[in-house]
């Protein structure tokens, strides 16, 4: 079952950082650093800033889609005190080493992207204009759902007692024919 398309969307650019690792097993540690509103005119994987320890790149852009069914997660994200967009970087096995696979404002969806174990998933701060768009989307589309506790069916002890003993499929060596 596929999910219907988003009711609203915007494009965000992603900035990543490559930092020298303090490890004998890897040369660099990568992490998403920021989300930019819109798409810069610079091509993906352009160096933005560099020093002896770290290099920042514009990695590319992704669509941030907003869905009516996710408004409670967006609301919780914005109320968290440190709202974020979850950036998903997928290894390419070649240069450049990552592609921007997704950006989401839904923390649950961001967490779900970590299940493969291959993707690099990190939250980054939400740009102010994107946060305003999400707030307007919540105001327009959020519907509060009341919690309804499901009633459990109680076991019928008489129904369990009416069953006969389980018949064996094959006679054992102690059984007599």
Protein backbone atom coordinates (compact mmCIF):
# COMPACT_ATOMS: atom_id res chain seq x y z
CA UNK A 1 0.00 0.00 0.00
CA UNK A 2 1.61 3.24 -1.11
CA UNK A 3 1.29 6.49 0.73
CA UNK A 4 -0.53 9.31 -1.07
CA UNK A 5 1.57 12.31 -2.06
CA UNK A 6 2.25 15.17 0.34
CA UNK A 7 -0.29 17.97 0.69
CA UNK A 8 2.52 20.52 0.91
CA UNK A 9 6.22 20.40 0.16
CA UNK A 10 9.31 22.51 -0.13
CA UNK A 11 12.87 21.89 -1.25
CA UNK A 12 15.71 22.15 1.25
CA UNK A 13 19.43 22.14 0.60
CA UNK A 14 21.70 20.07 2.83
CA UNK A 15 25.12 21.02 4.20
CA UNK A 16 27.37 18.18 5.42
CA UNK A 17 30.65 18.14 7.26
CA UNK A 18 33.64 15.85 6.78
CA UNK A 19 35.89 15.87 9.83
CA UNK A 20 39.21 14.08 10.30
CA UNK A 21 38.62 11.05 12.49
CA UNK A 22 40.62 10.30 15.62
CA UNK A 23 40.64 6.61 14.76
CA UNK A 24 42.97 4.15 13.13
CA UNK A 25 40.08 2.48 11.26
CA UNK A 26 38.46 5.42 9.42
CA UNK A 27 39.91 8.55 7.88
CA UNK A 28 36.85 10.80 8.14
CA UNK A 29 33.60 11.17 10.06
CA UNK A 30 30.65 12.56 8.11
CA UNK A 31 27.53 14.25 9.46
CA UNK A 32 24.71 16.46 8.22
CA UNK A 33 25.25 19.96 9.55
CA UNK A 34 22.42 22.19 8.32
CA UNK A 35 19.34 22.49 6.14
CA UNK A 36 18.93 25.51 3.91
CA UNK A 37 15.57 26.85 2.69
CA UNK A 38 15.41 26.35 -1.08
CA UNK A 39 18.15 25.27 -3.44
CA UNK A 40 21.36 27.30 -3.63
CA UNK A 41 22.74 28.07 -7.08
CA UNK A 42 25.91 26.17 -6.26
CA UNK A 43 26.27 22.60 -7.62
CA UNK A 44 26.11 19.63 -5.23
CA UNK A 45 29.35 18.72 -3.45
CA UNK A 46 30.77 22.22 -3.67
CA UNK A 47 33.17 23.02 -0.81
CA UNK A 48 31.70 25.82 1.29
CA UNK A 49 34.35 26.09 3.99
CA UNK A 50 37.52 24.20 4.90
CA UNK A 51 40.27 24.17 7.48
CA UNK A 52 42.86 21.61 8.66
CA UNK A 53 40.30 19.54 10.60
CA UNK A 54 36.99 19.83 8.75
CA UNK A 55 35.42 20.57 5.38
CA UNK A 56 31.83 21.64 4.81
CA UNK A 57 30.07 20.76 1.55
CA UNK A 58 26.75 21.64 -0.02
CA UNK A 59 25.63 18.02 -0.60
CA UNK A 60 22.47 18.62 -2.64
CA UNK A 61 18.78 19.06 -2.05
CA UNK A 62 15.71 17.00 -1.20
CA UNK A 63 11.97 17.50 -1.07
CA UNK A 64 10.47 17.93 2.38
CA UNK A 65 6.91 16.64 2.08
CA UNK A 66 4.21 17.31 4.67
CA UNK A 67 1.40 14.81 5.22
CA UNK A 68 -1.94 15.31 7.00
CA UNK A 69 -1.52 12.04 8.96
CA UNK A 70 1.80 13.20 10.44
CA UNK A 71 0.67 16.52 11.96
CA UNK A 72 0.84 15.26 15.55
CA UNK A 73 4.48 14.20 15.03
CA UNK A 74 5.31 17.59 13.48
CA UNK A 75 3.63 19.33 16.42
CA UNK A 76 5.59 17.23 18.94
CA UNK A 77 8.80 17.95 17.03
CA UNK A 78 8.24 21.71 17.14
CA UNK A 79 7.31 21.57 20.85
CA UNK A 80 10.41 19.53 21.76
CA UNK A 81 12.61 22.54 22.55
CA UNK A 82 15.08 21.64 19.77
CA UNK A 83 13.01 21.03 16.65
CA UNK A 84 14.83 19.42 13.77
CA UNK A 85 14.72 18.05 10.28
CA UNK A 86 16.05 14.52 9.93
CA UNK A 87 18.54 14.30 7.05
CA UNK A 88 19.18 10.89 5.50
CA UNK A 89 22.52 10.43 3.72
CA UNK A 90 22.88 7.18 1.77
CA UNK A 91 26.36 5.81 0.98
CA UNK A 92 27.09 5.63 -2.76
CA UNK A 93 30.21 3.43 -2.74
CA UNK A 94 31.91 5.98 -4.99
CA UNK A 95 32.71 9.70 -5.06
CA UNK A 96 30.90 11.68 -3.76
CA UNK A 97 30.53 9.24 -0.85
CA UNK A 98 26.89 10.11 -0.01
CA UNK A 99 23.67 11.18 -1.67
CA UNK A 100 20.89 13.07 0.05
CA UNK A 101 18.20 10.36 0.20
CA UNK A 102 15.52 12.16 2.21
CA UNK A 103 14.68 14.99 4.59
CA UNK A 104 11.74 14.72 7.00
CA UNK A 105 10.20 16.74 9.82
CA UNK A 106 8.62 13.60 11.33
CA UNK A 107 10.86 12.21 14.11
CA UNK A 108 9.27 8.75 13.82
CA UNK A 109 10.05 8.60 10.11
CA UNK A 110 13.59 9.82 10.81
CA UNK A 111 14.04 7.01 13.31
CA UNK A 112 12.64 4.48 10.82
CA UNK A 113 15.39 5.45 8.35
CA UNK A 114 17.98 4.22 10.86
CA UNK A 115 16.68 0.63 10.69
CA UNK A 116 18.70 -0.30 7.60
CA UNK A 117 21.92 0.46 9.47
CA UNK A 118 23.56 1.67 6.25
CA UNK A 119 22.17 5.21 6.07
CA UNK A 120 23.58 8.12 8.04
CA UNK A 121 20.61 9.83 9.75
CA UNK A 122 20.98 12.96 11.88
CA UNK A 123 18.69 15.80 12.90
CA UNK A 124 19.67 19.35 11.96
CA UNK A 125 18.04 22.64 13.02
CA UNK A 126 14.95 23.71 11.06
CA UNK A 127 15.35 26.93 9.05
CA UNK A 128 12.92 29.58 10.31
CA UNK A 129 10.97 29.83 7.03
CA UNK A 130 10.52 26.03 6.91
CA UNK A 131 9.39 25.99 10.56
CA UNK A 132 6.79 28.66 9.76
CA UNK A 133 5.55 26.55 6.84
CA UNK A 134 5.21 23.49 9.11
CA UNK A 135 3.37 25.54 11.77
CA UNK A 136 0.91 26.81 9.13
CA UNK A 137 0.43 23.25 7.82
CA UNK A 138 -0.33 21.98 11.34
CA UNK A 139 -2.80 24.83 11.94
CA UNK A 140 -4.63 24.01 8.71
CA UNK A 141 -4.61 20.20 8.76
CA UNK A 142 -4.26 18.88 12.33
CA UNK A 143 -7.22 16.96 13.73
CA UNK A 144 -7.08 15.94 17.38
CA UNK A 145 -7.99 12.28 17.88
CA UNK A 146 -9.35 11.18 21.25
CA UNK A 147 -7.68 8.14 22.78
CA UNK A 148 -9.99 5.15 22.86
CA UNK A 149 -9.01 2.20 24.98
CA UNK A 150 -9.83 -1.07 23.32
CA UNK A 151 -11.92 -3.55 25.33
CA UNK A 152 -10.36 -6.96 25.65
CA UNK A 153 -12.41 -10.09 25.28
CA UNK A 154 -12.27 -12.17 28.41
CA UNK A 155 -11.31 -15.82 28.07
CA UNK A 156 -14.16 -18.32 28.45
CA UNK A 157 -12.88 -21.03 30.84
CA UNK A 158 -15.78 -23.35 29.87
CA UNK A 159 -14.78 -23.21 26.21
CA UNK A 160 -11.26 -24.22 27.14
CA UNK A 161 -12.52 -27.14 29.25
CA UNK A 162 -14.71 -28.54 26.44
CA UNK A 163 -11.69 -29.50 24.37
CA UNK A 164 -10.67 -33.11 24.59
CA UNK A 165 -7.12 -34.28 25.07
CA UNK A 166 -4.81 -33.61 22.17
CA UNK A 167 -4.49 -36.62 19.90
CA UNK A 168 -0.97 -37.65 19.10
CA UNK A 169 -0.04 -37.59 15.47
CA UNK A 170 2.35 -40.54 15.72
CA UNK A 171 2.34 -43.21 18.39
CA UNK A 172 5.38 -43.14 20.64
CA UNK A 173 7.54 -46.15 21.49
CA UNK A 174 5.70 -46.60 24.83
CA UNK A 175 2.27 -46.63 23.16
CA UNK A 176 0.70 -50.01 22.49
CA UNK A 177 -1.14 -50.56 19.21
